[in-house]
Amino acid sequence: MDYAIRWSKKAEKFLEKLPPDTASRIAHKVDSIAADPFHFLEHYEGENYFKLRIGDYRALIDVDTSLRVIDVRIVGHRRNIYLKD
């Protein structure tokens, strides 16, 4: 059974500002990890998040294994994603 994916408002707003092909690539990559998220995710040091690399972009993700839900908290460019709260 695959994990469900939930996007935060902040992540959705960021995707709306990107060119459609870039936003689509990010959404497709996040959708592709639903079957086995821990194969693709790296632990984000200092916080209780995981990070997903998508070219020059990163997604900070929280995974609830008991509910089988992937929460996409923040999406941003790699040069400034870690500066956000």
Protein backbone atom coordinates (compact mmCIF):
# COMPACT_ATOMS: atom_id res chain seq x y z
CA MET A 1 0.00 0.00 0.00
CA ASP A 2 1.40 3.37 -1.04
CA TYR A 3 1.73 6.39 1.22
CA ALA A 4 -0.75 9.26 0.79
CA ILE A 5 0.77 12.64 -0.06
CA ARG A 6 -0.33 15.92 1.53
CA TRP A 7 1.04 19.29 0.40
CA SER A 8 1.26 22.27 2.77
CA LYS A 9 -0.12 25.63 1.63
CA LYS A 10 3.44 27.03 1.61
CA ALA A 11 4.65 24.26 -0.72
CA GLU A 12 1.65 24.68 -3.03
CA LYS A 13 2.19 28.45 -3.27
CA PHE A 14 5.85 27.94 -4.17
CA LEU A 15 4.94 25.48 -6.95
CA GLU A 16 2.40 27.96 -8.38
CA LYS A 17 5.18 30.55 -8.81
CA LEU A 18 7.45 28.19 -10.78
CA PRO A 19 7.35 27.58 -14.53
CA PRO A 20 4.82 24.79 -15.27
CA ASP A 21 7.44 22.28 -16.47
CA THR A 22 9.54 22.72 -13.30
CA ALA A 23 6.50 22.48 -11.00
CA SER A 24 5.36 19.36 -12.84
CA ARG A 25 8.79 17.75 -12.47
CA ILE A 26 8.80 18.41 -8.72
CA ALA A 27 5.25 17.09 -8.26
CA HIS A 28 6.05 13.99 -10.31
CA LYS A 29 9.17 13.25 -8.23
CA VAL A 30 7.23 13.58 -4.97
CA ASP A 31 4.48 11.31 -6.34
CA SER A 32 7.08 8.73 -7.36
CA ILE A 33 8.27 8.18 -3.77
CA ALA A 34 4.83 7.12 -2.48
CA ALA A 35 5.59 3.40 -2.80
CA ASP A 36 8.93 3.44 -0.93
CA PRO A 37 9.76 6.90 0.46
CA PHE A 38 12.79 5.94 2.55
CA HIS A 39 14.63 4.73 -0.53
CA PHE A 40 14.80 8.32 -1.83
CA LEU A 41 14.77 10.47 1.31
CA GLU A 42 17.74 11.65 3.35
CA HIS A 43 17.45 12.72 6.97
CA TYR A 44 17.73 16.49 7.37
CA GLU A 45 20.20 17.17 10.19
CA GLY A 46 19.01 19.49 12.94
CA GLU A 47 15.30 19.01 12.30
CA ASN A 48 12.88 16.11 12.34
CA TYR A 49 12.40 16.26 8.56
CA PHE A 50 13.63 14.39 5.54
CA LYS A 51 14.87 16.06 2.37
CA LEU A 52 14.22 15.05 -1.21
CA ARG A 53 16.57 16.23 -3.95
CA ILE A 54 14.90 17.28 -7.21
CA GLY A 55 17.61 18.82 -9.39
CA ASP A 56 18.34 22.29 -7.98
CA TYR A 57 15.25 22.12 -5.75
CA ARG A 58 14.65 20.46 -2.40
CA ALA A 59 11.52 19.36 -0.59
CA LEU A 60 11.46 19.09 3.19
CA ILE A 61 9.17 16.22 4.07
CA ASP A 62 7.68 14.70 7.21
CA VAL A 63 6.73 11.01 7.05
CA ASP A 64 4.11 9.49 9.35
CA THR A 65 4.66 5.74 9.13
CA SER A 66 1.70 4.83 11.33
CA LEU A 67 -0.80 6.69 9.12
CA ARG A 68 1.26 6.10 5.95
CA VAL A 69 1.26 9.79 5.03
CA ILE A 70 3.96 11.91 3.40
CA ASP A 71 3.62 15.60 4.34
CA VAL A 72 5.45 17.95 1.98
CA ARG A 73 6.18 20.93 4.24
CA ILE A 74 8.45 23.20 2.20
CA VAL A 75 9.72 23.25 -1.38
CA GLY A 76 12.43 25.64 -2.49
CA HIS A 77 15.67 26.20 -4.34
CA ARG A 78 18.67 24.50 -2.78
CA ARG A 79 20.52 27.78 -2.16
CA ASN A 80 17.88 29.06 0.27
CA ILE A 81 15.59 26.18 1.30
CA TYR A 82 17.41 25.62 4.57
CA LEU A 83 17.06 29.27 5.61
CA LYS A 84 13.26 29.04 5.83
CA ASP A 85 11.41 28.05 8.98
